[in-house]
Amino acid sequence: ASAVGEATPAPAMSAYELLATLVERVALADHGEAPLPSPPPAGRRRQQAGRIVFHGFRNPDTLQATQEKTQAAAVLAMVQKRAAAARGAGRPTVQEYDRNRRTEREVTARTQRLKADKRKTKVRK
């Protein structure tokens, strides 16, 4: 197979390793040509134009903030709905069923009475 004097070939570089070395070479070449910016004089800070934004400040009127509030409210509603479903709050109880049936019977009886009264008054005329 291999002779004593022959060198074994180096393993091939991956595309990632090759790209990393090229990027380093380009960065070094670019950096050497451009002069470094000089540091500002001691005691002076450069003022930036525009308003100052304090750490963590977010305008509550932006669309993103409004969407985040809406999403948080939707998540809370979903959690409450799941908890209610787990408790069985969505199913009617026997008392609710009886109350609804009684109300339906009362409404039906009243409607039938009104219709009967109407029929009786037509006959009398």
C-alpha atoms as a PDB file:
ATOM      1  CA  ALA A   1       0.000   0.000   0.000  1.00  0.00           C
ATOM      2  CA  SER A   2       1.863   3.144   1.108  1.00  0.00           C
ATOM      3  CA  ALA A   3       5.615   3.396   0.823  1.00  0.00           C
ATOM      4  CA  VAL A   4       7.770   4.425   3.747  1.00  0.00           C
ATOM      5  CA  GLY A   5       8.760   7.783   2.288  1.00  0.00           C
ATOM      6  CA  GLU A   6       5.299   8.884   1.139  1.00  0.00           C
ATOM      7  CA  ALA A   7       3.286  11.348   3.204  1.00  0.00           C
ATOM      8  CA  THR A   8      -0.356  10.555   3.911  1.00  0.00           C
ATOM      9  CA  PRO A   9      -2.743  13.054   2.327  1.00  0.00           C
ATOM     10  CA  ALA A  10      -4.320  15.629   4.685  1.00  0.00           C
ATOM     11  CA  PRO A  11      -8.058  15.190   5.239  1.00  0.00           C
ATOM     12  CA  ALA A  12     -10.175  17.407   3.003  1.00  0.00           C
ATOM     13  CA  MET A  13     -11.517  20.599   4.591  1.00  0.00           C
ATOM     14  CA  SER A  14     -15.243  20.948   4.966  1.00  0.00           C
ATOM     15  CA  ALA A  15     -17.013  23.757   3.157  1.00  0.00           C
ATOM     16  CA  TYR A  16     -17.649  25.477   6.503  1.00  0.00           C
ATOM     17  CA  GLU A  17     -13.944  25.405   7.463  1.00  0.00           C
ATOM     18  CA  LEU A  18     -12.917  26.662   4.026  1.00  0.00           C
ATOM     19  CA  LEU A  19     -15.425  29.524   4.169  1.00  0.00           C
ATOM     20  CA  ALA A  20     -14.311  30.449   7.702  1.00  0.00           C
ATOM     21  CA  THR A  21     -10.669  30.739   6.613  1.00  0.00           C
ATOM     22  CA  LEU A  22     -11.631  32.847   3.575  1.00  0.00           C
ATOM     23  CA  VAL A  23     -13.721  35.188   5.711  1.00  0.00           C
ATOM     24  CA  GLU A  24     -10.832  35.597   8.152  1.00  0.00           C
ATOM     25  CA  ARG A  25      -8.425  36.407   5.313  1.00  0.00           C
ATOM     26  CA  VAL A  26     -10.805  38.977   3.798  1.00  0.00           C
ATOM     27  CA  ALA A  27     -11.429  40.571   7.205  1.00  0.00           C
ATOM     28  CA  LEU A  28      -7.700  40.839   7.890  1.00  0.00           C
ATOM     29  CA  ALA A  29      -7.043  42.316   4.441  1.00  0.00           C
ATOM     30  CA  ASP A  30      -9.842  44.901   4.810  1.00  0.00           C
ATOM     31  CA  HIS A  31      -8.825  45.794   8.337  1.00  0.00           C
ATOM     32  CA  GLY A  32      -5.230  46.434   7.365  1.00  0.00           C
ATOM     33  CA  GLU A  33      -6.179  48.975   4.672  1.00  0.00           C
ATOM     34  CA  ALA A  34      -8.692  51.069   6.661  1.00  0.00           C
ATOM     35  CA  PRO A  35      -7.408  53.264   9.492  1.00  0.00           C
ATOM     36  CA  LEU A  36      -8.901  52.671  12.900  1.00  0.00           C
ATOM     37  CA  PRO A  37     -11.131  55.448  14.242  1.00  0.00           C
ATOM     38  CA  SER A  38      -9.470  57.478  16.954  1.00  0.00           C
ATOM     39  CA  PRO A  39     -11.039  57.305  20.396  1.00  0.00           C
ATOM     40  CA  PRO A  40     -13.001  60.391  21.532  1.00  0.00           C
ATOM     41  CA  PRO A  41     -11.244  62.821  23.828  1.00  0.00           C
ATOM     42  CA  ALA A  42     -11.449  61.952  27.507  1.00  0.00           C
ATOM     43  CA  GLY A  43     -14.460  63.412  29.284  1.00  0.00           C
ATOM     44  CA  ARG A  44     -16.500  64.058  26.114  1.00  0.00           C
ATOM     45  CA  ARG A  45     -19.276  61.888  24.865  1.00  0.00           C
ATOM     46  CA  ARG A  46     -20.807  62.212  21.469  1.00  0.00           C
ATOM     47  CA  GLN A  47     -24.477  63.244  21.535  1.00  0.00           C
ATOM     48  CA  GLN A  48     -26.712  61.362  19.186  1.00  0.00           C
ATOM     49  CA  ALA A  49     -29.421  63.168  17.300  1.00  0.00           C
ATOM     50  CA  GLY A  50     -33.025  62.349  18.165  1.00  0.00           C
ATOM     51  CA  ARG A  51     -34.760  61.552  21.393  1.00  0.00           C
ATOM     52  CA  ILE A  52     -33.285  59.549  24.210  1.00  0.00           C
ATOM     53  CA  VAL A  53     -34.704  56.068  24.651  1.00  0.00           C
ATOM     54  CA  PHE A  54     -34.422  54.833  28.209  1.00  0.00           C
ATOM     55  CA  HIS A  55     -33.484  51.222  28.885  1.00  0.00           C
ATOM     56  CA  GLY A  56     -36.419  48.896  28.316  1.00  0.00           C
ATOM     57  CA  PHE A  57     -38.833  51.650  27.258  1.00  0.00           C
ATOM     58  CA  ARG A  58     -41.401  50.639  24.674  1.00  0.00           C
ATOM     59  CA  ASN A  59     -44.095  52.859  23.269  1.00  0.00           C
ATOM     60  CA  PRO A  60     -47.417  51.279  24.311  1.00  0.00           C
ATOM     61  CA  ASP A  61     -49.208  52.727  21.275  1.00  0.00           C
ATOM     62  CA  THR A  62     -47.214  50.843  18.654  1.00  0.00           C
ATOM     63  CA  LEU A  63     -48.831  48.065  16.658  1.00  0.00           C
ATOM     64  CA  GLN A  64     -46.462  45.490  18.086  1.00  0.00           C
ATOM     65  CA  ALA A  65     -47.330  46.439  21.675  1.00  0.00           C
ATOM     66  CA  THR A  66     -51.043  46.312  20.865  1.00  0.00           C
ATOM     67  CA  GLN A  67     -50.653  42.884  19.268  1.00  0.00           C
ATOM     68  CA  GLU A  68     -48.731  41.603  22.289  1.00  0.00           C
ATOM     69  CA  LYS A  69     -51.507  42.789  24.620  1.00  0.00           C
ATOM     70  CA  THR A  70     -54.121  41.114  22.425  1.00  0.00           C
ATOM     71  CA  GLN A  71     -52.142  37.865  22.347  1.00  0.00           C
ATOM     72  CA  ALA A  72     -51.709  37.918  26.131  1.00  0.00           C
ATOM     73  CA  ALA A  73     -55.454  38.441  26.584  1.00  0.00           C
ATOM     74  CA  ALA A  74     -56.207  35.586  24.170  1.00  0.00           C
ATOM     75  CA  VAL A  75     -53.856  33.256  26.047  1.00  0.00           C
ATOM     76  CA  LEU A  76     -55.508  34.166  29.357  1.00  0.00           C
ATOM     77  CA  ALA A  77     -58.979  33.564  27.899  1.00  0.00           C
ATOM     78  CA  MET A  78     -57.875  30.203  26.511  1.00  0.00           C
ATOM     79  CA  VAL A  79     -56.449  29.136  29.882  1.00  0.00           C
ATOM     80  CA  GLN A  80     -59.666  30.155  31.646  1.00  0.00           C
ATOM     81  CA  LYS A  81     -61.765  28.319  29.058  1.00  0.00           C
ATOM     82  CA  ARG A  82     -59.722  25.136  29.464  1.00  0.00           C
ATOM     83  CA  ALA A  83     -59.965  25.354  33.249  1.00  0.00           C
ATOM     84  CA  ALA A  84     -63.746  25.814  33.023  1.00  0.00           C
ATOM     85  CA  ALA A  85     -64.022  22.838  30.659  1.00  0.00           C
ATOM     86  CA  ALA A  86     -61.985  20.709  33.055  1.00  0.00           C
ATOM     87  CA  ARG A  87     -64.330  21.674  35.903  1.00  0.00           C
ATOM     88  CA  GLY A  88     -67.333  20.849  33.738  1.00  0.00           C
ATOM     89  CA  ALA A  89     -68.626  24.412  33.903  1.00  0.00           C
ATOM     90  CA  GLY A  90     -69.737  24.283  30.279  1.00  0.00           C
ATOM     91  CA  ARG A  91     -72.287  21.522  30.876  1.00  0.00           C
ATOM     92  CA  PRO A  92     -75.727  22.456  32.180  1.00  0.00           C
ATOM     93  CA  THR A  93     -76.741  21.127  35.561  1.00  0.00           C
ATOM     94  CA  VAL A  94     -80.016  19.325  36.267  1.00  0.00           C
ATOM     95  CA  GLN A  95     -81.420  22.469  37.917  1.00  0.00           C
ATOM     96  CA  GLU A  96     -80.617  24.575  34.844  1.00  0.00           C
ATOM     97  CA  TYR A  97     -82.213  21.973  32.584  1.00  0.00           C
ATOM     98  CA  ASP A  98     -85.387  21.906  34.741  1.00  0.00           C
ATOM     99  CA  ARG A  99     -85.546  25.706  34.871  1.00  0.00           C
ATOM    100  CA  ASN A 100     -85.228  25.953  31.077  1.00  0.00           C
ATOM    101  CA  ARG A 101     -87.942  23.330  30.512  1.00  0.00           C
ATOM    102  CA  ARG A 102     -90.278  25.133  32.935  1.00  0.00           C
ATOM    103  CA  THR A 103     -89.678  28.443  31.149  1.00  0.00           C
ATOM    104  CA  GLU A 104     -90.380  26.826  27.779  1.00  0.00           C
ATOM    105  CA  ARG A 105     -93.642  25.331  29.089  1.00  0.00           C
ATOM    106  CA  GLU A 106     -94.738  28.685  30.517  1.00  0.00           C
ATOM    107  CA  VAL A 107     -93.999  30.498  27.253  1.00  0.00           C
ATOM    108  CA  THR A 108     -95.789  27.839  25.199  1.00  0.00           C
ATOM    109  CA  ALA A 109     -98.835  27.941  27.497  1.00  0.00           C
ATOM    110  CA  ARG A 110     -98.987  31.742  27.358  1.00  0.00           C
ATOM    111  CA  THR A 111     -98.721  31.739  23.550  1.00  0.00           C
ATOM    112  CA  GLN A 112    -101.481  29.149  23.250  1.00  0.00           C
ATOM    113  CA  ARG A 113    -103.720  31.145  25.638  1.00  0.00           C
ATOM    114  CA  LEU A 114    -103.208  34.333  23.609  1.00  0.00           C
ATOM    115  CA  LYS A 115    -104.049  32.524  20.367  1.00  0.00           C
ATOM    116  CA  ALA A 116    -107.166  30.994  21.957  1.00  0.00           C
ATOM    117  CA  ASP A 117    -108.293  34.426  23.194  1.00  0.00           C
ATOM    118  CA  LYS A 118    -107.825  35.806  19.681  1.00  0.00           C
ATOM    119  CA  ARG A 119    -109.958  33.019  18.216  1.00  0.00           C
ATOM    120  CA  LYS A 120    -112.710  33.593  20.786  1.00  0.00           C
ATOM    121  CA  THR A 121    -112.855  37.328  20.094  1.00  0.00           C
ATOM    122  CA  LYS A 122    -113.170  36.720  16.344  1.00  0.00           C
ATOM    123  CA  VAL A 123    -116.122  34.389  16.877  1.00  0.00           C
ATOM    124  CA  ARG A 124    -117.936  36.877  19.145  1.00  0.00           C
ATOM    125  CA  LYS A 125    -117.798  39.724  16.619  1.00  0.00           C
END
